[in-house]
N, C-alpha and C. Protein backbone atom coordinates (compact mmCIF):
# COMPACT_ATOMS: atom_id res chain seq x y z
N MET A 1 -66.03 -48.32 -19.27
CA MET A 1 -66.20 -47.17 -18.71
C MET A 1 -65.18 -46.44 -17.88
N THR A 2 -64.55 -47.43 -17.04
CA THR A 2 -63.34 -47.19 -15.95
C THR A 2 -62.16 -46.64 -16.82
N HIS A 3 -61.84 -47.48 -17.86
CA HIS A 3 -60.69 -47.36 -18.86
C HIS A 3 -60.97 -46.03 -19.32
N LEU A 4 -62.12 -45.35 -19.88
CA LEU A 4 -62.16 -43.92 -20.52
C LEU A 4 -61.87 -43.02 -19.41
N ARG A 5 -62.59 -43.24 -18.20
CA ARG A 5 -62.15 -42.19 -17.28
C ARG A 5 -60.64 -42.02 -16.84
N ARG A 6 -60.00 -42.89 -16.75
CA ARG A 6 -58.39 -43.20 -16.65
C ARG A 6 -57.71 -42.16 -17.76
N CYS A 7 -58.16 -42.47 -19.04
CA CYS A 7 -57.58 -41.67 -20.03
C CYS A 7 -57.87 -40.53 -19.93
N GLY A 8 -58.84 -40.05 -19.66
CA GLY A 8 -59.67 -38.50 -19.41
C GLY A 8 -58.47 -37.85 -18.27
N ASP A 9 -58.36 -38.71 -17.14
CA ASP A 9 -57.31 -38.11 -16.23
C ASP A 9 -56.02 -37.65 -16.56
N ALA A 10 -55.47 -38.66 -17.35
CA ALA A 10 -54.29 -38.48 -18.04
C ALA A 10 -54.09 -37.17 -18.98
N GLY A 11 -55.17 -36.90 -19.67
CA GLY A 11 -55.22 -35.86 -20.46
C GLY A 11 -55.32 -34.47 -19.90
N GLN A 12 -56.06 -34.45 -18.79
CA GLN A 12 -55.87 -33.55 -17.69
C GLN A 12 -54.62 -33.05 -17.11
N ALA A 13 -53.84 -34.13 -16.86
CA ALA A 13 -52.65 -34.01 -16.09
C ALA A 13 -51.62 -33.44 -16.95
N PHE A 14 -51.76 -33.48 -18.20
CA PHE A 14 -50.45 -33.27 -19.34
C PHE A 14 -50.12 -31.73 -19.11
N PRO A 15 -51.57 -30.78 -19.20
CA PRO A 15 -51.34 -29.26 -19.30
C PRO A 15 -50.42 -29.06 -17.91
N ILE A 16 -50.78 -29.82 -16.57
CA ILE A 16 -50.43 -29.30 -15.61
C ILE A 16 -48.91 -30.00 -15.60
N TYR A 17 -48.43 -30.82 -16.09
CA TYR A 17 -47.24 -31.22 -16.20
C TYR A 17 -46.31 -30.39 -17.08
N ILE A 18 -46.94 -29.77 -18.22
CA ILE A 18 -46.25 -28.63 -19.18
C ILE A 18 -45.95 -27.63 -18.15
N THR A 19 -47.02 -27.04 -17.26
CA THR A 19 -46.74 -25.87 -16.76
C THR A 19 -45.67 -26.21 -15.66
N VAL A 20 -45.56 -27.17 -14.84
CA VAL A 20 -44.67 -27.36 -13.86
C VAL A 20 -43.37 -27.22 -14.47
N VAL A 21 -43.03 -28.00 -15.80
CA VAL A 21 -41.66 -28.11 -16.29
C VAL A 21 -41.25 -26.65 -16.82
N ALA A 22 -42.34 -25.98 -17.31
CA ALA A 22 -42.30 -24.61 -17.79
C ALA A 22 -41.69 -23.75 -16.42
N GLY A 23 -42.25 -23.86 -15.54
CA GLY A 23 -41.86 -22.94 -14.36
C GLY A 23 -40.63 -23.20 -13.89
N LEU A 24 -40.23 -24.75 -13.77
CA LEU A 24 -38.91 -25.00 -13.34
C LEU A 24 -37.91 -24.52 -14.24
N LEU A 25 -38.07 -24.45 -15.57
CA LEU A 25 -37.12 -24.33 -16.27
C LEU A 25 -37.08 -22.56 -16.19
N PHE A 26 -38.15 -21.70 -16.09
CA PHE A 26 -37.92 -20.29 -15.88
C PHE A 26 -37.15 -20.09 -14.64
N LEU A 27 -37.44 -21.07 -13.42
CA LEU A 27 -36.43 -20.77 -12.42
C LEU A 27 -34.97 -21.17 -12.53
N GLY A 28 -35.03 -22.29 -13.09
CA GLY A 28 -33.51 -22.40 -13.46
C GLY A 28 -32.88 -21.36 -14.38
N LEU A 29 -33.11 -20.55 -15.33
CA LEU A 29 -32.98 -19.68 -16.06
C LEU A 29 -32.77 -18.33 -15.29
N ALA A 30 -33.60 -18.13 -14.30
CA ALA A 30 -33.55 -17.02 -13.05
C ALA A 30 -32.29 -17.17 -12.22
N TYR A 31 -32.13 -18.46 -11.87
CA TYR A 31 -30.97 -18.87 -10.87
C TYR A 31 -29.72 -18.47 -11.62
N PHE A 32 -29.70 -18.92 -13.05
CA PHE A 32 -28.52 -18.59 -13.70
C PHE A 32 -28.19 -17.20 -13.78
N ALA A 33 -29.28 -16.33 -14.23
CA ALA A 33 -29.11 -14.80 -14.01
C ALA A 33 -28.55 -14.49 -12.92
N VAL A 34 -29.00 -14.76 -11.81
CA VAL A 34 -28.73 -14.63 -10.22
C VAL A 34 -27.02 -14.83 -10.18
N GLY A 35 -26.50 -16.16 -10.86
CA GLY A 35 -25.25 -16.33 -11.01
C GLY A 35 -24.30 -15.81 -11.57
N GLN A 36 -24.79 -15.06 -12.83
CA GLN A 36 -24.20 -14.33 -13.62
C GLN A 36 -23.86 -13.04 -12.73
N ALA A 37 -24.99 -12.41 -12.13
CA ALA A 37 -24.87 -11.12 -11.57
C ALA A 37 -23.95 -11.65 -10.62
N THR A 38 -23.90 -12.53 -9.92
CA THR A 38 -23.18 -12.50 -8.56
C THR A 38 -21.75 -12.70 -9.07
N VAL A 39 -21.15 -13.33 -10.18
CA VAL A 39 -19.95 -13.37 -10.46
C VAL A 39 -19.54 -11.94 -11.06
N ASN A 40 -20.38 -11.20 -11.76
CA ASN A 40 -19.97 -10.04 -12.30
C ASN A 40 -19.52 -8.99 -11.01
N ARG A 41 -20.52 -9.09 -9.80
CA ARG A 41 -20.31 -8.15 -8.73
C ARG A 41 -19.00 -8.69 -8.07
N SER A 42 -18.56 -10.14 -7.94
CA SER A 42 -17.45 -10.54 -7.37
C SER A 42 -16.32 -9.87 -8.26
N GLY A 43 -16.36 -9.97 -9.44
CA GLY A 43 -15.36 -9.26 -10.47
C GLY A 43 -15.11 -7.88 -10.28
N ALA A 44 -16.36 -7.09 -9.89
CA ALA A 44 -16.31 -5.69 -9.45
C ALA A 44 -15.38 -5.40 -8.39
N GLN A 45 -15.81 -6.12 -7.07
CA GLN A 45 -15.07 -6.12 -5.74
C GLN A 45 -13.75 -6.47 -5.61
N THR A 46 -13.28 -7.78 -6.63
CA THR A 46 -11.89 -7.76 -6.57
C THR A 46 -10.94 -6.82 -7.12
N ALA A 47 -11.72 -5.97 -8.48
CA ALA A 47 -10.96 -5.10 -8.91
C ALA A 47 -10.83 -3.69 -7.89
N ALA A 48 -11.88 -3.41 -7.21
CA ALA A 48 -12.14 -2.41 -6.60
C ALA A 48 -10.85 -2.67 -5.19
N ASP A 49 -10.86 -3.93 -4.77
CA ASP A 49 -9.77 -4.24 -3.80
C ASP A 49 -8.47 -4.25 -4.40
N ALA A 50 -8.02 -4.46 -5.23
CA ALA A 50 -6.64 -4.76 -6.11
C ALA A 50 -6.51 -3.00 -6.24
N ALA A 51 -7.52 -2.22 -6.73
CA ALA A 51 -7.12 -1.04 -6.83
C ALA A 51 -6.91 -0.05 -6.00
N ALA A 52 -7.48 -0.27 -4.79
CA ALA A 52 -7.54 0.33 -3.64
C ALA A 52 -5.98 0.13 -3.12
N LEU A 53 -5.68 -1.45 -2.76
CA LEU A 53 -4.32 -1.81 -2.31
C LEU A 53 -3.24 -1.13 -3.08
N ALA A 54 -3.35 -1.16 -4.57
CA ALA A 54 -2.17 -0.80 -5.30
C ALA A 54 -1.66 0.87 -4.94
N ALA A 55 -2.92 1.62 -4.82
CA ALA A 55 -2.85 2.83 -4.59
C ALA A 55 -2.20 3.07 -3.01
N ALA A 56 -2.69 2.41 -2.18
CA ALA A 56 -2.08 2.48 -0.85
C ALA A 56 -0.62 1.76 -0.53
N GLN A 57 -0.29 0.98 -1.42
CA GLN A 57 1.17 0.27 -1.28
C GLN A 57 2.16 1.56 -2.05
N ASP A 58 1.74 2.16 -3.18
CA ASP A 58 2.49 2.92 -4.00
C ASP A 58 2.95 4.10 -2.94
N THR A 59 2.03 4.78 -2.05
CA THR A 59 2.30 5.82 -1.17
C THR A 59 3.03 5.32 0.05
N ARG A 60 2.61 4.02 0.21
CA ARG A 60 3.61 3.33 1.30
C ARG A 60 5.05 3.26 0.97
N ASP A 61 5.22 2.79 -0.37
CA ASP A 61 6.92 2.79 -0.84
C ASP A 61 7.39 4.37 -0.74
N GLN A 62 6.49 5.13 -1.35
CA GLN A 62 7.16 6.47 -1.19
C GLN A 62 7.45 7.03 0.11
N LEU A 63 6.85 6.69 0.88
CA LEU A 63 6.75 7.18 2.65
C LEU A 63 8.21 6.45 3.21
N ALA A 64 8.34 4.99 2.73
CA ALA A 64 9.37 4.29 3.06
C ALA A 64 10.75 5.03 2.68
N ALA A 65 10.46 5.25 1.35
CA ALA A 65 11.77 5.83 0.68
C ALA A 65 11.96 7.20 1.18
N GLU A 66 11.10 7.97 1.76
CA GLU A 66 11.34 9.38 2.28
C GLU A 66 11.89 8.88 3.74
N TRP A 67 11.58 8.16 4.58
CA TRP A 67 12.17 7.81 5.89
C TRP A 67 13.55 7.34 5.42
N LEU A 68 13.85 6.73 4.62
CA LEU A 68 15.34 6.19 4.45
C LEU A 68 15.99 7.46 4.09
N LYS A 69 15.84 8.47 3.45
CA LYS A 69 16.23 9.69 2.92
C LYS A 69 16.57 10.40 4.36
N ASP A 70 15.48 10.62 5.03
CA ASP A 70 15.82 11.31 6.25
C ASP A 70 16.15 10.38 7.56
N VAL A 71 16.80 9.15 7.20
CA VAL A 71 16.86 8.31 8.35
C VAL A 71 17.83 9.11 9.26
N ALA A 72 18.59 10.11 8.93
CA ALA A 72 19.75 10.56 10.16
C ALA A 72 18.99 11.60 10.60
N ASP A 73 17.99 11.95 10.26
CA ASP A 73 17.28 13.23 10.94
C ASP A 73 16.17 12.53 11.79
N PRO A 74 16.17 12.14 13.17
CA PRO A 74 14.78 11.41 13.63
C PRO A 74 13.80 12.54 13.98
N ASP A 75 14.20 13.92 14.01
CA ASP A 75 12.82 14.71 14.02
C ASP A 75 11.83 14.97 12.94
N GLU A 76 12.18 14.19 11.86
CA GLU A 76 11.54 13.85 10.41
C GLU A 76 10.62 12.52 10.68
N TRP A 77 11.01 11.76 11.58
CA TRP A 77 10.37 10.44 11.55
C TRP A 77 9.08 10.27 11.97
N GLN A 78 8.46 10.93 12.68
CA GLN A 78 7.19 11.03 13.30
C GLN A 78 6.42 11.65 12.23
N ARG A 79 6.57 12.70 11.57
CA ARG A 79 5.89 13.19 10.26
C ARG A 79 5.65 12.12 9.22
N ILE A 80 6.88 11.47 9.09
CA ILE A 80 6.50 10.70 7.87
C ILE A 80 5.66 9.36 8.33
N PHE A 81 5.96 8.82 9.45
CA PHE A 81 5.02 7.66 9.83
C PHE A 81 3.63 8.05 9.95
N ASP A 82 3.45 9.66 10.30
CA ASP A 82 1.95 10.06 10.32
C ASP A 82 1.38 10.25 8.92
N GLY A 83 2.21 9.92 7.85
CA GLY A 83 1.87 9.94 6.32
C GLY A 83 2.11 11.33 5.68
N ASN A 84 2.79 12.17 6.42
CA ASN A 84 2.67 13.70 5.72
C ASN A 84 4.13 13.74 5.26
N GLY A 85 4.46 13.02 4.23
CA GLY A 85 5.61 13.21 3.66
C GLY A 85 5.82 14.28 2.65
N ASP A 86 7.16 14.64 2.52
CA ASP A 86 7.08 16.08 1.58
C ASP A 86 7.21 15.52 0.06
N GLY A 87 6.36 16.31 -0.43
CA GLY A 87 6.39 15.98 -2.02
C GLY A 87 6.17 14.65 -2.73
N LEU A 88 5.15 13.99 -1.62
CA LEU A 88 4.46 12.50 -2.18
C LEU A 88 3.87 12.93 -3.30
N GLU A 89 3.87 11.91 -4.59
CA GLU A 89 3.46 11.94 -5.82
C GLU A 89 2.34 11.23 -5.46
N PRO A 90 0.88 11.67 -6.21
CA PRO A 90 -0.64 11.19 -6.16
C PRO A 90 0.00 9.38 -6.68
N SER A 91 -1.06 8.55 -5.90
CA SER A 91 -0.79 7.15 -6.13
C SER A 91 -2.06 6.87 -7.02
N CYS A 92 -3.11 7.46 -7.28
CA CYS A 92 -4.24 7.10 -8.09
C CYS A 92 -4.09 6.42 -9.12
N TRP A 93 -2.82 6.98 -9.98
CA TRP A 93 -2.51 6.06 -11.08
C TRP A 93 -2.38 4.73 -10.97
N ARG A 94 -2.21 4.19 -9.92
CA ARG A 94 -2.08 2.66 -9.44
C ARG A 94 -3.39 1.90 -9.60
N ALA A 95 -4.36 2.65 -9.00
CA ALA A 95 -5.60 2.17 -8.90
C ALA A 95 -6.38 1.94 -10.15
N TYR A 96 -5.92 3.18 -11.00
CA TYR A 96 -6.24 2.63 -12.57
C TYR A 96 -5.89 1.66 -13.13
N GLU A 97 -4.54 1.54 -12.89
CA GLU A 97 -3.91 0.50 -13.47
C GLU A 97 -4.30 -1.00 -13.17
N LEU A 98 -4.73 -1.23 -11.89
CA LEU A 98 -4.95 -2.54 -11.33
C LEU A 98 -6.18 -2.77 -11.66
N ALA A 99 -7.46 -1.63 -11.82
CA ALA A 99 -8.55 -1.94 -12.16
C ALA A 99 -8.52 -2.25 -13.65
N GLN A 100 -7.98 -1.68 -14.48
CA GLN A 100 -7.67 -2.14 -15.79
C GLN A 100 -7.23 -3.52 -15.97
N ARG A 101 -6.49 -3.93 -15.26
CA ARG A 101 -6.23 -5.36 -15.06
C ARG A 101 -7.01 -6.43 -14.89
N ASN A 102 -7.95 -5.80 -14.05
CA ASN A 102 -9.30 -6.71 -13.64
C ASN A 102 -10.44 -6.50 -14.33
N ASP A 103 -10.06 -5.97 -15.55
CA ASP A 103 -11.36 -5.61 -16.55
C ASP A 103 -12.46 -4.80 -15.93
N ALA A 104 -11.79 -3.63 -15.53
CA ALA A 104 -12.81 -2.76 -14.93
C ALA A 104 -12.38 -1.01 -15.19
N GLN A 105 -13.33 -0.37 -14.77
CA GLN A 105 -12.49 1.05 -14.98
C GLN A 105 -12.83 1.91 -13.70
N VAL A 106 -11.84 2.66 -13.13
CA VAL A 106 -12.30 3.58 -11.80
C VAL A 106 -13.03 4.62 -12.25
N ASN A 107 -14.25 4.53 -11.42
CA ASN A 107 -15.29 5.92 -11.30
C ASN A 107 -14.62 6.90 -10.58
N ASP A 108 -14.09 6.86 -9.28
CA ASP A 108 -13.43 7.60 -8.58
C ASP A 108 -12.50 6.89 -7.65
N CYS A 109 -11.37 7.77 -7.22
CA CYS A 109 -10.05 7.40 -6.29
C CYS A 109 -9.74 8.77 -5.55
N VAL A 110 -9.78 8.37 -4.37
CA VAL A 110 -9.63 9.52 -3.45
C VAL A 110 -8.71 9.25 -2.35
N GLN A 111 -7.97 10.08 -1.99
CA GLN A 111 -7.04 9.76 -0.72
C GLN A 111 -7.77 10.28 0.39
N SER A 112 -8.32 9.58 1.19
CA SER A 112 -9.44 9.88 2.11
C SER A 112 -8.69 10.10 3.25
N GLY A 113 -7.35 10.29 3.47
CA GLY A 113 -6.60 10.78 4.66
C GLY A 113 -5.24 10.26 3.81
N PRO A 114 -4.43 10.78 4.87
CA PRO A 114 -2.88 10.77 4.54
C PRO A 114 -2.40 9.25 4.38
N LEU A 115 -3.16 8.10 5.16
CA LEU A 115 -2.98 6.87 4.97
C LEU A 115 -4.19 6.07 4.55
N SER A 116 -4.95 6.48 3.58
CA SER A 116 -5.79 5.73 3.15
C SER A 116 -6.37 6.08 1.89
N TYR A 117 -6.77 5.26 0.86
CA TYR A 117 -7.43 5.46 -0.36
C TYR A 117 -8.73 4.65 -0.29
N THR A 118 -9.71 5.38 -1.03
CA THR A 118 -11.20 4.92 -1.16
C THR A 118 -11.28 4.89 -2.69
N VAL A 119 -11.79 4.02 -3.41
CA VAL A 119 -11.60 3.76 -4.72
C VAL A 119 -13.08 3.02 -5.21
N ASP A 120 -13.56 3.60 -6.36
CA ASP A 120 -15.14 3.11 -6.57
C ASP A 120 -14.75 2.72 -8.29
N VAL A 121 -15.36 1.25 -8.45
CA VAL A 121 -14.93 0.94 -9.80
C VAL A 121 -15.94 0.31 -10.41
N GLU A 122 -16.16 0.26 -11.60
CA GLU A 122 -17.36 -0.54 -12.50
C GLU A 122 -16.81 -1.49 -13.57
N THR A 123 -17.33 -2.43 -13.68
CA THR A 123 -16.93 -3.59 -14.78
C THR A 123 -17.13 -3.19 -15.96
N ASN A 124 -16.01 -3.36 -16.97
CA ASN A 124 -16.30 -3.21 -18.31
C ASN A 124 -17.11 -3.99 -18.95
N LYS A 125 -17.46 -5.23 -18.42
CA LYS A 125 -18.61 -6.31 -19.11
C LYS A 125 -19.79 -6.17 -18.33
N ALA A 126 -20.83 -6.04 -18.95
CA ALA A 126 -22.24 -6.28 -18.49
C ALA A 126 -22.43 -7.66 -17.87
N MET A 127 -23.70 -7.64 -17.00
CA MET A 127 -24.14 -8.90 -16.65
C MET A 127 -24.41 -10.05 -17.79
N GLY A 128 -24.69 -9.50 -18.80
CA GLY A 128 -24.93 -10.51 -19.90
C GLY A 128 -26.72 -10.64 -20.18
N LYS A 129 -26.81 -11.39 -21.05
CA LYS A 129 -28.26 -11.56 -21.46
C LYS A 129 -28.68 -12.67 -20.37
N SER A 130 -30.16 -12.47 -19.92
CA SER A 130 -30.91 -13.43 -19.19
C SER A 130 -32.37 -13.22 -19.16
N VAL A 131 -33.14 -14.06 -18.33
CA VAL A 131 -34.71 -13.73 -18.62
C VAL A 131 -35.09 -12.32 -17.79
N VAL A 132 -33.85 -11.91 -17.16
CA VAL A 132 -34.01 -10.62 -16.43
C VAL A 132 -33.52 -9.56 -17.14
N PRO A 133 -34.20 -8.93 -18.06
CA PRO A 133 -33.94 -8.22 -19.22
C PRO A 133 -32.82 -6.90 -18.96
N ILE A 134 -32.81 -6.27 -17.71
CA ILE A 134 -32.01 -5.36 -17.30
C ILE A 134 -30.49 -5.71 -17.08
N THR A 135 -30.33 -7.00 -17.06
CA THR A 135 -28.96 -7.34 -16.64
C THR A 135 -28.01 -7.28 -17.82
N GLU A 136 -28.74 -7.27 -19.28
CA GLU A 136 -27.92 -7.34 -20.26
C GLU A 136 -27.16 -5.98 -20.31
N SER A 137 -27.33 -4.99 -19.77
CA SER A 137 -26.56 -3.70 -19.96
C SER A 137 -26.48 -3.07 -18.78
N LYS A 138 -26.47 -3.99 -17.63
CA LYS A 138 -26.00 -3.52 -16.10
C LYS A 138 -24.56 -4.02 -16.16
N HIS A 139 -23.79 -2.91 -15.24
CA HIS A 139 -22.49 -3.27 -14.97
C HIS A 139 -22.56 -3.10 -13.49
N SER A 140 -21.74 -4.02 -12.98
CA SER A 140 -21.60 -4.02 -11.44
C SER A 140 -20.60 -2.96 -11.02
N LYS A 141 -20.96 -2.35 -9.95
CA LYS A 141 -19.82 -1.50 -9.33
C LYS A 141 -19.56 -1.87 -7.78
N ALA A 142 -18.57 -1.44 -7.35
CA ALA A 142 -18.09 -1.88 -6.02
C ALA A 142 -17.01 -0.71 -5.48
N HIS A 143 -16.91 -0.45 -4.27
CA HIS A 143 -15.77 0.39 -3.49
C HIS A 143 -15.33 -0.37 -2.86
N ALA A 144 -14.03 0.06 -2.32
CA ALA A 144 -13.20 -0.42 -1.38
C ALA A 144 -12.15 0.88 -0.79
N THR A 145 -11.83 0.47 0.28
CA THR A 145 -10.89 1.52 0.90
C THR A 145 -9.67 0.63 1.57
N ALA A 146 -8.56 1.02 1.21
CA ALA A 146 -7.45 0.65 1.64
C ALA A 146 -6.33 1.59 2.81
N VAL A 147 -6.09 0.91 3.76
CA VAL A 147 -5.29 1.72 4.73
C VAL A 147 -3.86 1.55 4.85
N ILE A 148 -3.08 2.46 5.12
CA ILE A 148 -1.57 2.08 5.62
C ILE A 148 -1.46 2.07 7.00
N GLU A 149 -0.94 1.13 7.50
CA GLU A 149 -0.64 1.27 8.88
C GLU A 149 0.65 1.26 9.41
N ARG A 150 1.02 2.05 9.96
CA ARG A 150 2.47 2.25 10.46
C ARG A 150 2.80 0.96 11.72
N LEU A 151 3.99 0.44 11.43
CA LEU A 151 4.17 -0.78 12.22
C LEU A 151 5.27 -0.61 13.39
N CYS A 152 5.87 0.95 13.18
CA CYS A 152 7.06 0.83 13.95
C CYS A 152 6.74 2.23 14.96
N THR A 153 7.48 2.12 16.19
CA THR A 153 7.47 3.12 17.03
C THR A 153 8.82 3.64 17.33
N PHE A 154 9.03 4.54 18.01
CA PHE A 154 10.26 4.93 18.58
C PHE A 154 10.07 6.20 19.56
N ASP A 155 11.24 5.99 20.74
CA ASP A 155 11.14 7.08 21.76
C ASP A 155 12.27 8.11 21.03
N PRO A 156 11.81 9.38 21.43
CA PRO A 156 12.86 10.18 20.84
C PRO A 156 13.69 10.46 21.75
N LEU A 157 14.94 10.80 21.04
CA LEU A 157 16.11 11.37 22.02
C LEU A 157 16.22 12.30 23.00
N PRO A 158 16.61 12.07 24.32
CA PRO A 158 16.67 13.11 25.07
C PRO A 158 17.28 14.51 24.90
N ALA A 159 17.02 15.34 25.06
CA ALA A 159 17.50 16.65 24.95
C ALA A 159 19.02 16.53 25.21
N GLY A 160 19.96 17.28 24.36
CA GLY A 160 21.13 17.30 24.69
C GLY A 160 22.13 16.13 24.19
N THR A 161 21.35 14.93 23.70
CA THR A 161 21.70 13.61 23.03
C THR A 161 22.73 14.04 21.80
N ASP A 162 23.85 13.25 21.71
CA ASP A 162 24.56 13.43 20.56
C ASP A 162 23.88 13.00 19.28
N ARG A 163 24.09 14.23 18.42
CA ARG A 163 23.21 14.11 17.18
C ARG A 163 23.37 13.01 16.10
N SER A 164 24.62 12.63 16.44
CA SER A 164 25.15 11.31 15.52
C SER A 164 24.21 9.81 15.86
N ALA A 165 23.67 10.02 17.00
CA ALA A 165 22.78 8.85 17.38
C ALA A 165 21.35 8.98 17.10
N LEU A 166 20.91 7.60 16.81
CA LEU A 166 19.56 7.53 16.25
C LEU A 166 18.89 6.85 17.18
N PRO A 167 17.55 6.93 17.59
CA PRO A 167 16.47 6.12 18.42
C PRO A 167 16.29 4.67 17.80
N ARG A 168 16.05 3.90 18.78
CA ARG A 168 16.03 2.66 18.38
C ARG A 168 14.37 2.58 17.57
N LEU A 169 14.63 1.82 16.76
CA LEU A 169 13.03 1.72 16.08
C LEU A 169 12.66 0.27 16.20
N VAL A 170 11.55 0.39 16.91
CA VAL A 170 10.85 -0.78 17.42
C VAL A 170 9.62 -1.13 16.78
N CYS A 171 9.51 -2.24 15.80
CA CYS A 171 8.52 -2.54 15.03
C CYS A 171 7.89 -3.87 15.32
N LYS A 172 6.83 -4.47 14.65
CA LYS A 172 5.85 -5.37 14.97
C LYS A 172 6.39 -6.38 14.98
N ASN A 173 5.94 -7.63 15.76
CA ASN A 173 6.56 -8.85 16.11
C ASN A 173 7.96 -8.75 16.57
N ASN A 174 7.99 -7.77 17.29
CA ASN A 174 9.10 -7.67 18.37
C ASN A 174 10.77 -7.56 17.53
N ARG A 175 10.52 -7.25 16.31
CA ARG A 175 11.62 -6.66 15.64
C ARG A 175 12.03 -5.16 15.92
N TYR A 176 13.65 -4.90 15.81
CA TYR A 176 13.87 -3.76 16.33
C TYR A 176 15.19 -3.25 15.43
N TRP A 177 15.40 -2.02 15.21
CA TRP A 177 16.57 -1.74 14.62
C TRP A 177 17.47 -0.80 15.42
N ASP A 178 19.09 -0.92 15.72
CA ASP A 178 19.51 0.07 16.33
C ASP A 178 20.11 0.56 15.28
N LEU A 179 19.94 1.88 14.60
CA LEU A 179 20.54 2.37 13.27
C LEU A 179 21.62 3.23 13.76
N ASP A 180 22.59 2.95 12.64
CA ASP A 180 23.82 3.84 12.31
C ASP A 180 23.91 4.80 11.21
N PRO A 181 23.58 5.98 11.42
CA PRO A 181 23.56 7.02 10.45
C PRO A 181 24.65 6.74 9.47
N LYS A 182 26.11 6.39 9.86
CA LYS A 182 26.96 6.28 8.90
C LYS A 182 27.10 4.81 8.03
N ASP A 183 26.07 4.04 8.56
CA ASP A 183 25.97 2.71 7.73
C ASP A 183 24.48 2.32 7.60
N VAL A 184 23.84 2.70 6.53
CA VAL A 184 22.40 2.53 6.44
C VAL A 184 21.89 1.40 5.49
N THR A 185 22.64 0.35 5.64
CA THR A 185 22.59 -0.84 4.75
C THR A 185 21.57 -1.79 5.42
N ASP A 186 21.50 -1.88 6.83
CA ASP A 186 20.66 -2.64 7.50
C ASP A 186 19.55 -1.83 8.05
N VAL A 187 18.36 -1.74 7.20
CA VAL A 187 17.36 -0.94 7.33
C VAL A 187 16.32 -1.72 7.28
N PRO A 188 15.09 -1.23 7.65
CA PRO A 188 13.88 -2.09 7.64
C PRO A 188 13.20 -1.91 6.08
N ARG A 189 12.53 -2.86 5.42
CA ARG A 189 11.81 -2.63 4.22
C ARG A 189 10.74 -1.80 4.41
N PRO A 190 9.99 -1.43 3.22
CA PRO A 190 8.59 -0.66 3.31
C PRO A 190 7.71 -1.57 4.01
N GLN A 191 7.83 -2.91 3.93
CA GLN A 191 6.64 -3.59 4.60
C GLN A 191 7.05 -3.83 5.93
N ASP A 192 8.18 -3.52 6.54
CA ASP A 192 8.43 -3.73 7.68
C ASP A 192 7.99 -2.37 8.62
N LEU A 193 8.07 -1.23 7.84
CA LEU A 193 7.67 0.08 8.52
C LEU A 193 6.06 0.28 8.28
N PHE A 194 5.34 0.00 7.39
CA PHE A 194 3.87 0.12 7.15
C PHE A 194 3.35 -1.36 6.63
N ASP A 195 2.13 -1.47 7.09
CA ASP A 195 1.39 -2.49 6.59
C ASP A 195 0.21 -1.89 5.79
N VAL A 196 -0.21 -2.51 4.59
CA VAL A 196 -1.21 -2.10 3.76
C VAL A 196 -2.28 -2.93 3.92
N HIS A 197 -3.64 -2.84 4.04
CA HIS A 197 -4.67 -3.53 4.20
C HIS A 197 -5.96 -2.92 3.85
N LEU A 198 -6.87 -3.91 3.41
CA LEU A 198 -8.29 -3.37 3.27
C LEU A 198 -9.04 -3.06 4.44
N ALA A 199 -9.66 -1.69 4.48
CA ALA A 199 -10.34 -1.48 5.85
C ALA A 199 -11.69 -2.51 6.25
N ASP A 200 -11.98 -2.63 7.41
CA ASP A 200 -13.11 -3.56 7.59
C ASP A 200 -14.15 -3.00 6.91
């Protein structure tokens, strides 16, 4: 009699065991889906960051080239350091290029100020098949803003100063340049004049 009751208990526990295993399996698949989505989202953010930084760096390089062209005219320096270069070419093409390298596409690229770019991207690949049906066709989106920060300051020359003289250019990390307009071989590099980084 006792033996038969024990067999009956074992038979009743088997469906519970199957249910628990099925539940754990479903949870495992759900966590896998979350992992897929996280990886896809991370790829989107990487693409957005790279795209925004690339656009900002291109503008930074153009501003530095213009500063070098006008280095003998300190009246133009402040305008350039403020990001108001003459004839700057649009830089969003670099955002498209970097997004493509990161398997994404740019949905929008805006120069949100003279010294900043905001880029929205979407991954080319969907999150993939999973127990969550919507992920099969879902593409991750992300946006990023990169800013160009000027690193140098200068004091304008006093009125009546010889126009052949140039102000001392003082840059970050206590670096400075006493520039000679007749010899511009020793000049700051673009990264000495401007820093490019993602906005907080």
